[in-house]
Amino acid sequence: MKTQTTVRVEEKSYKEAKDILKTLGMSYSQAINIFNNMIVLKHGIPFDVKIPNEETLRAMEQAQNLEGDF
């Protein structure tokens, strides 16, 4: 049985995600179903969710600054 739900997500990332999933031959709903199944399988978020340390924050900032250099 399926259920319908409504979620609010950022429009830009939603559109980008849909384009990527389309390239993979998958719908947004299918990806959400995979995510939900992984939550059940792992009994939690299926990836690490943590606050980045100072070194990681610096690396992220450097990467963002390099985006326009290519």
Protein backbone atom coordinates (compact mmCIF):
# COMPACT_ATOMS: atom_id res chain seq x y z
CA MET A 1 0.00 0.00 0.00
CA LYS A 2 1.23 3.52 -0.80
CA THR A 3 0.62 6.73 1.13
CA GLN A 4 0.80 10.29 -0.09
CA THR A 5 2.80 12.90 1.80
CA THR A 6 3.94 16.46 1.34
CA VAL A 7 7.44 17.72 2.10
CA ARG A 8 8.97 21.14 1.74
CA VAL A 9 12.41 21.23 0.14
CA GLU A 10 14.58 23.92 -1.38
CA GLU A 11 13.47 24.46 -4.98
CA LYS A 12 16.97 24.66 -6.50
CA SER A 13 18.24 21.42 -4.96
CA TYR A 14 14.92 19.69 -5.71
CA LYS A 15 15.21 20.53 -9.41
CA GLU A 16 18.86 19.48 -9.51
CA ALA A 17 18.09 16.22 -7.72
CA LYS A 18 15.23 15.45 -10.13
CA ASP A 19 17.54 16.03 -13.11
CA ILE A 20 20.22 13.75 -11.66
CA LEU A 21 17.66 11.06 -10.82
CA LYS A 22 16.18 11.30 -14.32
CA THR A 23 19.65 10.62 -15.74
CA LEU A 24 19.79 7.56 -13.49
CA GLY A 25 16.37 6.42 -14.77
CA MET A 26 14.72 7.01 -11.42
CA SER A 27 11.92 9.25 -10.22
CA TYR A 28 12.05 11.45 -7.14
CA SER A 29 9.42 9.22 -5.51
CA GLN A 30 11.51 6.12 -6.18
CA ALA A 31 14.55 7.78 -4.60
CA ILE A 32 12.51 8.77 -1.54
CA ASN A 33 11.28 5.18 -1.23
CA ILE A 34 14.89 3.95 -1.33
CA PHE A 35 15.83 6.49 1.34
CA ASN A 36 12.90 5.42 3.54
CA ASN A 37 13.81 1.74 3.12
CA MET A 38 17.43 2.47 4.06
CA ILE A 39 16.27 4.29 7.21
CA VAL A 40 14.31 1.19 8.19
CA LEU A 41 17.18 -1.16 7.30
CA LYS A 42 19.79 0.88 9.21
CA HIS A 43 17.44 1.91 12.03
CA GLY A 44 18.43 5.54 11.43
CA ILE A 45 19.79 7.92 8.84
CA PRO A 46 21.77 5.77 6.35
CA PHE A 47 24.81 8.06 6.39
CA ASP A 48 26.84 9.98 8.96
CA VAL A 49 25.24 13.19 10.16
CA LYS A 50 27.69 15.19 12.20
CA ILE A 51 29.05 18.66 12.70
CA PRO A 52 32.22 19.13 10.64
CA ASN A 53 35.43 19.89 12.51
CA GLU A 54 37.59 22.97 11.82
CA GLU A 55 39.77 21.17 9.27
CA THR A 56 36.75 19.99 7.31
CA LEU A 57 35.18 23.46 7.44
CA ARG A 58 38.38 25.00 6.00
CA ALA A 59 38.47 22.37 3.25
CA MET A 60 34.81 23.04 2.40
CA GLU A 61 35.48 26.77 2.24
CA GLN A 62 38.51 26.23 -0.01
CA ALA A 63 36.46 23.99 -2.31
CA GLN A 64 33.72 26.60 -2.57
CA ASN A 65 36.30 29.26 -3.42
CA LEU A 66 37.75 27.04 -6.17
CA GLU A 67 34.39 26.40 -7.89
CA GLY A 68 34.75 29.45 -10.14
CA ASP A 69 38.37 28.71 -11.05
CA PHE A 70 37.65 25.87 -13.48
